Every structure is written in C-alpha cells, then in structure tokens.
Protein backbone atom coordinates (compact mmCIF):
# COMPACT_ATOMS: atom_id res chain seq x y z
CA MET A 1 0.07 0.09 -0.39
CA VAL A 2 3.27 2.43 0.65
CA LYS A 3 4.93 1.64 -2.54
CA PHE A 4 1.55 2.64 -3.95
CA LYS A 5 0.65 5.75 -2.45
CA LEU A 6 4.29 6.51 -3.27
CA LYS A 7 4.19 5.74 -7.08
CA ILE A 8 0.65 8.26 -7.50
CA ILE A 9 2.26 11.08 -5.67
CA LYS A 10 5.65 10.72 -8.20
CA LEU A 11 3.27 10.17 -10.67
CA ILE A 12 1.84 13.75 -9.95
CA LEU A 13 5.16 15.09 -9.27
CA HIS A 14 5.84 14.50 -12.58
CA THR A 15 3.21 15.49 -14.17
CA GLU A 16 3.26 18.80 -12.26
CA LEU A 17 7.14 18.67 -13.49
CA THR A 18 6.11 17.75 -17.20
CA ASN A 19 3.40 20.43 -17.54
CA PHE A 20 5.92 23.16 -15.89
CA LEU A 21 9.10 22.26 -18.21
CA SER A 22 5.92 22.60 -21.27
CA SER A 23 5.02 25.55 -21.00
CA LEU A 24 8.53 27.06 -20.18
CA SER A 25 10.16 25.45 -23.31
CA SER A 26 6.91 26.62 -25.35
CA ILE A 27 8.10 30.78 -23.61
CA LEU A 28 11.40 29.48 -24.58
CA GLY A 29 10.29 28.53 -28.01
CA PRO A 30 12.65 26.90 -30.44
CA ILE A 31 14.79 26.31 -27.55
CA GLY A 32 12.42 24.81 -25.83
CA ILE A 33 11.34 21.71 -28.28
CA ASN A 34 14.64 20.55 -27.75
CA ILE A 35 13.71 20.38 -24.07
CA ASN A 36 10.19 19.03 -25.00
CA LEU A 37 12.19 16.28 -27.06
CA PHE A 38 14.42 15.56 -24.35
CA PHE A 39 12.19 14.82 -22.31
CA GLN A 40 9.49 12.99 -24.47
CA GLU A 41 12.72 10.70 -24.32
CA TYR A 42 13.09 11.25 -21.17
CA ASN A 43 9.45 9.98 -20.41
CA LYS A 44 9.24 6.77 -21.98
CA ARG A 45 11.99 5.28 -20.12
CA ILE A 46 10.81 6.21 -17.13
CA LYS A 47 7.54 4.40 -18.54
CA LEU A 48 9.52 1.20 -19.48
CA LYS A 49 11.42 1.76 -16.54
CA CYS A 50 7.40 1.23 -14.47
CA ARG A 51 6.44 -1.65 -16.31
CA ALA A 52 9.34 -3.99 -15.38
C-alpha cells in the first residue's frame, strides 16, 4: 500500500513537472523544442522502467 501511494505521489509530481516544463519550453520557443523532445524520450524511459 505504501509503495502504491509513493507511485501516485511520484506520478503527480512528475505530471506537474512535465506540465511546468512544457509551458516553460513554449515560452523559450526553438530552444524549448529540444527540451520537449528530450523529455518525451525521458518519459518513455520512465514508463518502461515502471512496467519492468
């Protein structure tokens, strides 16, 4: 149960962070595109780790 709660907390924090970074990257423009691409790759790896 504790691990489950931690996963939810991490997921919420991760979502907040991703939302913040995507809004930040839209402000930054071209530089932000690279950041977005990086985080898309990062998200894929995180999701794969969670499933493993």
